[in-house]
């Protein structure tokens, strides 16, 4: 993560704490501490839950992205 990305993510987390934020992420570390994550595939919602619950689904899309280190 670049310094600029770090500062931006920190600012978003501090300035918008308690608010709803819709984020389109390309890196898992951007959203890993969010309250809920929606995983899309071909424009359709395939998973929606907390990052922890999604990670715990052994056959889930989110879990496979984490295991593979896939960019999302």
PDB file of N, CA and C in Angstrom:
ATOM      1  N   UNK A   1       0.843  -1.163   0.000  1.00  0.00           N
ATOM      2  CA  UNK A   1       0.000   0.000   0.000  1.00  0.00           C
ATOM      3  C   UNK A   1       0.895   1.235   0.000  1.00  0.00           C
ATOM      4  N   UNK A   2       0.596   2.168  -0.867  1.00  0.00           N
ATOM      5  CA  UNK A   2       1.389   3.390  -0.933  1.00  0.00           C
ATOM      6  C   UNK A   2       1.040   4.306   0.240  1.00  0.00           C
ATOM      7  N   UNK A   3       1.910   5.261   0.487  1.00  0.00           N
ATOM      8  CA  UNK A   3       1.668   6.221   1.556  1.00  0.00           C
ATOM      9  C   UNK A   3       0.381   6.995   1.299  1.00  0.00           C
ATOM     10  N   UNK A   4       0.169   7.398   0.050  1.00  0.00           N
ATOM     11  CA  UNK A   4      -1.041   8.144  -0.305  1.00  0.00           C
ATOM     12  C   UNK A   4      -2.287   7.310  -0.051  1.00  0.00           C
ATOM     13  N   UNK A   5      -2.262   6.047  -0.434  1.00  0.00           N
ATOM     14  CA  UNK A   5      -3.391   5.152  -0.195  1.00  0.00           C
ATOM     15  C   UNK A   5      -3.632   4.992   1.300  1.00  0.00           C
ATOM     16  N   UNK A   6      -2.563   4.829   2.066  1.00  0.00           N
ATOM     17  CA  UNK A   6      -2.675   4.697   3.516  1.00  0.00           C
ATOM     18  C   UNK A   6      -3.356   5.919   4.121  1.00  0.00           C
ATOM     19  N   UNK A   7      -2.907   7.106   3.737  1.00  0.00           N
ATOM     20  CA  UNK A   7      -3.477   8.351   4.271  1.00  0.00           C
ATOM     21  C   UNK A   7      -4.942   8.478   3.867  1.00  0.00           C
ATOM     22  N   UNK A   8      -5.250   8.144   2.626  1.00  0.00           N
ATOM     23  CA  UNK A   8      -6.627   8.219   2.147  1.00  0.00           C
ATOM     24  C   UNK A   8      -7.531   7.264   2.923  1.00  0.00           C
ATOM     25  N   UNK A   9      -7.111   6.008   3.088  1.00  0.00           N
ATOM     26  CA  UNK A   9      -7.912   5.030   3.827  1.00  0.00           C
ATOM     27  C   UNK A   9      -8.096   5.456   5.284  1.00  0.00           C
ATOM     28  N   UNK A  10      -7.047   5.971   5.902  1.00  0.00           N
ATOM     29  CA  UNK A  10      -7.129   6.431   7.294  1.00  0.00           C
ATOM     30  C   UNK A  10      -8.104   7.602   7.404  1.00  0.00           C
ATOM     31  N   UNK A  11      -8.042   8.528   6.490  1.00  0.00           N
ATOM     32  CA  UNK A  11      -8.928   9.691   6.499  1.00  0.00           C
ATOM     33  C   UNK A  11     -10.384   9.269   6.336  1.00  0.00           C
ATOM     34  N   UNK A  12     -10.644   8.347   5.412  1.00  0.00           N
ATOM     35  CA  UNK A  12     -12.008   7.858   5.205  1.00  0.00           C
ATOM     36  C   UNK A  12     -12.522   7.199   6.479  1.00  0.00           C
ATOM     37  N   UNK A  13     -11.724   6.348   7.088  1.00  0.00           N
ATOM     38  CA  UNK A  13     -12.158   5.639   8.294  1.00  0.00           C
ATOM     39  C   UNK A  13     -12.423   6.600   9.450  1.00  0.00           C
ATOM     40  N   UNK A  14     -11.605   7.634   9.587  1.00  0.00           N
ATOM     41  CA  UNK A  14     -11.775   8.577  10.700  1.00  0.00           C
ATOM     42  C   UNK A  14     -12.871   9.600  10.423  1.00  0.00           C
ATOM     43  N   UNK A  15     -12.913  10.147   9.233  1.00  0.00           N
ATOM     44  CA  UNK A  15     -13.845  11.222   8.922  1.00  0.00           C
ATOM     45  C   UNK A  15     -15.277  10.738   8.721  1.00  0.00           C
ATOM     46  N   UNK A  16     -15.448   9.492   8.298  1.00  0.00           N
ATOM     47  CA  UNK A  16     -16.781   8.980   8.007  1.00  0.00           C
ATOM     48  C   UNK A  16     -17.212   7.885   8.973  1.00  0.00           C
ATOM     49  N   UNK A  17     -16.570   7.835  10.126  1.00  0.00           N
ATOM     50  CA  UNK A  17     -16.914   6.842  11.133  1.00  0.00           C
ATOM     51  C   UNK A  17     -18.392   6.981  11.506  1.00  0.00           C
ATOM     52  N   UNK A  18     -19.098   5.863  11.531  1.00  0.00           N
ATOM     53  CA  UNK A  18     -20.513   5.885  11.883  1.00  0.00           C
ATOM     54  C   UNK A  18     -21.444   6.145  10.719  1.00  0.00           C
ATOM     55  N   UNK A  19     -20.904   6.373   9.544  1.00  0.00           N
ATOM     56  CA  UNK A  19     -21.702   6.630   8.351  1.00  0.00           C
ATOM     57  C   UNK A  19     -21.629   5.447   7.396  1.00  0.00           C
ATOM     58  N   UNK A  20     -22.573   5.368   6.508  1.00  0.00           N
ATOM     59  CA  UNK A  20     -22.560   4.325   5.487  1.00  0.00           C
ATOM     60  C   UNK A  20     -21.669   4.762   4.340  1.00  0.00           C
ATOM     61  N   UNK A  21     -20.748   3.897   3.958  1.00  0.00           N
ATOM     62  CA  UNK A  21     -19.825   4.173   2.858  1.00  0.00           C
ATOM     63  C   UNK A  21     -19.962   3.047   1.840  1.00  0.00           C
ATOM     64  N   UNK A  22     -20.136   3.395   0.596  1.00  0.00           N
ATOM     65  CA  UNK A  22     -20.150   2.420  -0.480  1.00  0.00           C
ATOM     66  C   UNK A  22     -18.806   2.511  -1.184  1.00  0.00           C
ATOM     67  N   UNK A  23     -18.063   1.410  -1.162  1.00  0.00           N
ATOM     68  CA  UNK A  23     -16.713   1.390  -1.713  1.00  0.00           C
ATOM     69  C   UNK A  23     -16.597   0.310  -2.776  1.00  0.00           C
ATOM     70  N   UNK A  24     -16.079   0.658  -3.912  1.00  0.00           N
ATOM     71  CA  UNK A  24     -15.719  -0.331  -4.927  1.00  0.00           C
ATOM     72  C   UNK A  24     -14.219  -0.542  -4.766  1.00  0.00           C
ATOM     73  N   UNK A  25     -13.856  -1.743  -4.335  1.00  0.00           N
ATOM     74  CA  UNK A  25     -12.470  -1.991  -3.951  1.00  0.00           C
ATOM     75  C   UNK A  25     -11.752  -2.861  -4.971  1.00  0.00           C
ATOM     76  N   UNK A  26     -10.456  -2.622  -5.087  1.00  0.00           N
ATOM     77  CA  UNK A  26      -9.599  -3.426  -5.947  1.00  0.00           C
ATOM     78  C   UNK A  26      -8.566  -4.200  -5.146  1.00  0.00           C
ATOM     79  N   UNK A  27      -8.551  -3.948  -3.830  1.00  0.00           N
ATOM     80  CA  UNK A  27      -7.634  -4.654  -2.946  1.00  0.00           C
ATOM     81  C   UNK A  27      -8.400  -5.093  -1.703  1.00  0.00           C
ATOM     82  N   UNK A  28      -8.145  -6.300  -1.263  1.00  0.00           N
ATOM     83  CA  UNK A  28      -8.834  -6.828  -0.087  1.00  0.00           C
ATOM     84  C   UNK A  28      -8.577  -5.984   1.155  1.00  0.00           C
ATOM     85  N   UNK A  29      -7.361  -5.464   1.315  1.00  0.00           N
ATOM     86  CA  UNK A  29      -7.054  -4.706   2.526  1.00  0.00           C
ATOM     87  C   UNK A  29      -7.858  -3.413   2.625  1.00  0.00           C
ATOM     88  N   UNK A  30      -8.444  -2.966   1.506  1.00  0.00           N
ATOM     89  CA  UNK A  30      -9.270  -1.768   1.524  1.00  0.00           C
ATOM     90  C   UNK A  30     -10.570  -2.004   2.286  1.00  0.00           C
ATOM     91  N   UNK A  31     -11.129  -3.200   2.191  1.00  0.00           N
ATOM     92  CA  UNK A  31     -12.458  -3.464   2.746  1.00  0.00           C
ATOM     93  C   UNK A  31     -12.471  -4.523   3.847  1.00  0.00           C
ATOM     94  N   UNK A  32     -11.340  -5.064   4.197  1.00  0.00           N
ATOM     95  CA  UNK A  32     -11.301  -6.207   5.112  1.00  0.00           C
ATOM     96  C   UNK A  32     -11.854  -5.868   6.495  1.00  0.00           C
ATOM     97  N   UNK A  33     -11.811  -4.614   6.908  1.00  0.00           N
ATOM     98  CA  UNK A  33     -12.343  -4.249   8.222  1.00  0.00           C
ATOM     99  C   UNK A  33     -13.703  -3.558   8.144  1.00  0.00           C
ATOM    100  N   UNK A  34     -14.349  -3.625   6.975  1.00  0.00           N
ATOM    101  CA  UNK A  34     -15.686  -3.044   6.834  1.00  0.00           C
ATOM    102  C   UNK A  34     -16.715  -3.904   7.559  1.00  0.00           C
ATOM    103  N   UNK A  35     -17.862  -3.316   7.853  1.00  0.00           N
ATOM    104  CA  UNK A  35     -18.927  -4.037   8.554  1.00  0.00           C
ATOM    105  C   UNK A  35     -19.553  -5.118   7.683  1.00  0.00           C
ATOM    106  N   UNK A  36     -19.759  -4.808   6.414  1.00  0.00           N
ATOM    107  CA  UNK A  36     -20.369  -5.765   5.489  1.00  0.00           C
ATOM    108  C   UNK A  36     -19.694  -5.643   4.126  1.00  0.00           C
ATOM    109  N   UNK A  37     -19.625  -6.777   3.449  1.00  0.00           N
ATOM    110  CA  UNK A  37     -19.020  -6.829   2.123  1.00  0.00           C
ATOM    111  C   UNK A  37     -20.002  -7.504   1.174  1.00  0.00           C
ATOM    112  N   UNK A  38     -20.180  -6.891   0.019  1.00  0.00           N
ATOM    113  CA  UNK A  38     -21.016  -7.460  -1.035  1.00  0.00           C
ATOM    114  C   UNK A  38     -20.082  -7.913  -2.158  1.00  0.00           C
ATOM    115  N   UNK A  39     -20.186  -9.180  -2.524  1.00  0.00           N
ATOM    116  CA  UNK A  39     -19.370  -9.729  -3.603  1.00  0.00           C
ATOM    117  C   UNK A  39     -20.262  -9.884  -4.828  1.00  0.00           C
ATOM    118  N   UNK A  40     -19.827  -9.297  -5.928  1.00  0.00           N
ATOM    119  CA  UNK A  40     -20.567  -9.374  -7.183  1.00  0.00           C
ATOM    120  C   UNK A  40     -19.864 -10.300  -8.154  1.00  0.00           C
ATOM    121  N   UNK A  41     -20.649 -10.988  -8.962  1.00  0.00           N
ATOM    122  CA  UNK A  41     -20.113 -11.805 -10.043  1.00  0.00           C
ATOM    123  C   UNK A  41     -21.035 -11.618 -11.237  1.00  0.00           C
ATOM    124  N   UNK A  42     -20.485 -11.119 -12.306  1.00  0.00           N
ATOM    125  CA  UNK A  42     -21.255 -10.855 -13.519  1.00  0.00           C
ATOM    126  C   UNK A  42     -22.445  -9.939 -13.228  1.00  0.00           C
ATOM    127  N   UNK A  43     -22.216  -8.947 -12.360  1.00  0.00           N
ATOM    128  CA  UNK A  43     -23.241  -7.963 -12.039  1.00  0.00           C
ATOM    129  C   UNK A  43     -24.305  -8.422 -11.066  1.00  0.00           C
ATOM    130  N   UNK A  44     -24.152  -9.599 -10.510  1.00  0.00           N
ATOM    131  CA  UNK A  44     -25.134 -10.136  -9.570  1.00  0.00           C
ATOM    132  C   UNK A  44     -24.482 -10.340  -8.199  1.00  0.00           C
ATOM    133  N   UNK A  45     -25.262 -10.085  -7.145  1.00  0.00           N
ATOM    134  CA  UNK A  45     -24.772 -10.302  -5.787  1.00  0.00           C
ATOM    135  C   UNK A  45     -24.695 -11.801  -5.531  1.00  0.00           C
ATOM    136  N   UNK A  46     -23.498 -12.272  -5.204  1.00  0.00           N
ATOM    137  CA  UNK A  46     -23.324 -13.694  -4.904  1.00  0.00           C
ATOM    138  C   UNK A  46     -23.064 -13.937  -3.425  1.00  0.00           C
ATOM    139  N   UNK A  47     -22.598 -12.902  -2.711  1.00  0.00           N
ATOM    140  CA  UNK A  47     -22.374 -13.019  -1.277  1.00  0.00           C
ATOM    141  C   UNK A  47     -22.555 -11.646  -0.640  1.00  0.00           C
ATOM    142  N   UNK A  48     -23.085 -11.647   0.575  1.00  0.00           N
ATOM    143  CA  UNK A  48     -23.254 -10.412   1.339  1.00  0.00           C
ATOM    144  C   UNK A  48     -23.246 -10.769   2.817  1.00  0.00           C
ATOM    145  N   UNK A  49     -22.214 -10.306   3.524  1.00  0.00           N
ATOM    146  CA  UNK A  49     -22.096 -10.607   4.955  1.00  0.00           C
ATOM    147  C   UNK A  49     -20.885  -9.850   5.500  1.00  0.00           C
ATOM    148  N   UNK A  50     -20.532 -10.122   6.734  1.00  0.00           N
ATOM    149  CA  UNK A  50     -19.329  -9.528   7.306  1.00  0.00           C
ATOM    150  C   UNK A  50     -18.110 -10.196   6.656  1.00  0.00           C
ATOM    151  N   UNK A  51     -16.992  -9.493   6.604  1.00  0.00           N
ATOM    152  CA  UNK A  51     -15.791 -10.128   6.050  1.00  0.00           C
ATOM    153  C   UNK A  51     -15.439 -11.429   6.776  1.00  0.00           C
ATOM    154  N   UNK A  52     -15.603 -11.436   8.088  1.00  0.00           N
ATOM    155  CA  UNK A  52     -15.284 -12.637   8.866  1.00  0.00           C
ATOM    156  C   UNK A  52     -16.174 -13.812   8.462  1.00  0.00           C
ATOM    157  N   UNK A  53     -17.480 -13.579   8.372  1.00  0.00           N
ATOM    158  CA  UNK A  53     -18.395 -14.655   7.983  1.00  0.00           C
ATOM    159  C   UNK A  53     -18.134 -15.129   6.557  1.00  0.00           C
ATOM    160  N   UNK A  54     -17.850 -14.187   5.663  1.00  0.00           N
ATOM    161  CA  UNK A  54     -17.556 -14.579   4.281  1.00  0.00           C
ATOM    162  C   UNK A  54     -16.271 -15.391   4.215  1.00  0.00           C
ATOM    163  N   UNK A  55     -15.276 -15.001   4.987  1.00  0.00           N
ATOM    164  CA  UNK A  55     -14.009 -15.738   4.995  1.00  0.00           C
ATOM    165  C   UNK A  55     -14.194 -17.146   5.540  1.00  0.00           C
ATOM    166  N   UNK A  56     -15.095 -17.300   6.491  1.00  0.00           N
ATOM    167  CA  UNK A  56     -15.321 -18.607   7.106  1.00  0.00           C
ATOM    168  C   UNK A  56     -16.083 -19.577   6.219  1.00  0.00           C
ATOM    169  N   UNK A  57     -16.630 -19.120   5.111  1.00  0.00           N
ATOM    170  CA  UNK A  57     -17.298 -20.008   4.155  1.00  0.00           C
ATOM    171  C   UNK A  57     -16.222 -20.640   3.271  1.00  0.00           C
ATOM    172  N   UNK A  58     -15.915 -21.877   3.546  1.00  0.00           N
ATOM    173  CA  UNK A  58     -14.812 -22.553   2.862  1.00  0.00           C
ATOM    174  C   UNK A  58     -14.976 -22.575   1.348  1.00  0.00           C
ATOM    175  N   UNK A  59     -16.215 -22.636   0.856  1.00  0.00           N
ATOM    176  CA  UNK A  59     -16.438 -22.716  -0.593  1.00  0.00           C
ATOM    177  C   UNK A  59     -16.921 -21.386  -1.176  1.00  0.00           C
ATOM    178  N   UNK A  60     -16.731 -20.289  -0.429  1.00  0.00           N
ATOM    179  CA  UNK A  60     -17.231 -18.988  -0.872  1.00  0.00           C
ATOM    180  C   UNK A  60     -16.298 -18.280  -1.842  1.00  0.00           C
ATOM    181  N   UNK A  61     -16.866 -17.349  -2.564  1.00  0.00           N
ATOM    182  CA  UNK A  61     -16.111 -16.538  -3.528  1.00  0.00           C
ATOM    183  C   UNK A  61     -15.116 -15.639  -2.797  1.00  0.00           C
ATOM    184  N   UNK A  62     -15.586 -14.959  -1.753  1.00  0.00           N
ATOM    185  CA  UNK A  62     -14.708 -14.079  -0.988  1.00  0.00           C
ATOM    186  C   UNK A  62     -13.530 -14.852  -0.418  1.00  0.00           C
ATOM    187  N   UNK A  63     -13.808 -16.020   0.146  1.00  0.00           N
ATOM    188  CA  UNK A  63     -12.744 -16.859   0.717  1.00  0.00           C
ATOM    189  C   UNK A  63     -11.723 -17.233  -0.355  1.00  0.00           C
ATOM    190  N   UNK A  64     -12.202 -17.600  -1.525  1.00  0.00           N
ATOM    191  CA  UNK A  64     -11.257 -17.983  -2.583  1.00  0.00           C
ATOM    192  C   UNK A  64     -10.402 -16.802  -3.017  1.00  0.00           C
ATOM    193  N   UNK A  65     -10.981 -15.586  -3.021  1.00  0.00           N
ATOM    194  CA  UNK A  65     -10.191 -14.405  -3.357  1.00  0.00           C
ATOM    195  C   UNK A  65      -9.124 -14.163  -2.287  1.00  0.00           C
ATOM    196  N   UNK A  66      -9.489 -14.361  -1.020  1.00  0.00           N
ATOM    197  CA  UNK A  66      -8.513 -14.196   0.065  1.00  0.00           C
ATOM    198  C   UNK A  66      -7.392 -15.229  -0.048  1.00  0.00           C
ATOM    199  N   UNK A  67      -7.783 -16.476  -0.282  1.00  0.00           N
ATOM    200  CA  UNK A  67      -6.795 -17.546  -0.388  1.00  0.00           C
ATOM    201  C   UNK A  67      -5.843 -17.342  -1.551  1.00  0.00           C
ATOM    202  N   UNK A  68      -6.353 -16.826  -2.643  1.00  0.00           N
ATOM    203  CA  UNK A  68      -5.545 -16.627  -3.841  1.00  0.00           C
ATOM    204  C   UNK A  68      -4.849 -15.274  -3.866  1.00  0.00           C
ATOM    205  N   UNK A  69      -5.254 -14.382  -2.965  1.00  0.00           N
ATOM    206  CA  UNK A  69      -4.706 -13.020  -2.990  1.00  0.00           C
ATOM    207  C   UNK A  69      -5.179 -12.272  -4.214  1.00  0.00           C
ATOM    208  N   UNK A  70      -6.351 -12.643  -4.704  1.00  0.00           N
ATOM    209  CA  UNK A  70      -6.909 -12.042  -5.914  1.00  0.00           C
ATOM    210  C   UNK A  70      -7.265 -10.594  -5.687  1.00  0.00           C
ATOM    211  N   UNK A  71      -7.020  -9.771  -6.686  1.00  0.00           N
ATOM    212  CA  UNK A  71      -7.446  -8.383  -6.669  1.00  0.00           C
ATOM    213  C   UNK A  71      -8.943  -8.343  -6.904  1.00  0.00           C
ATOM    214  N   UNK A  72      -9.643  -7.575  -6.070  1.00  0.00           N
ATOM    215  CA  UNK A  72     -11.090  -7.461  -6.258  1.00  0.00           C
ATOM    216  C   UNK A  72     -11.480  -6.055  -6.609  1.00  0.00           C
TER     217      UNK A  72
END
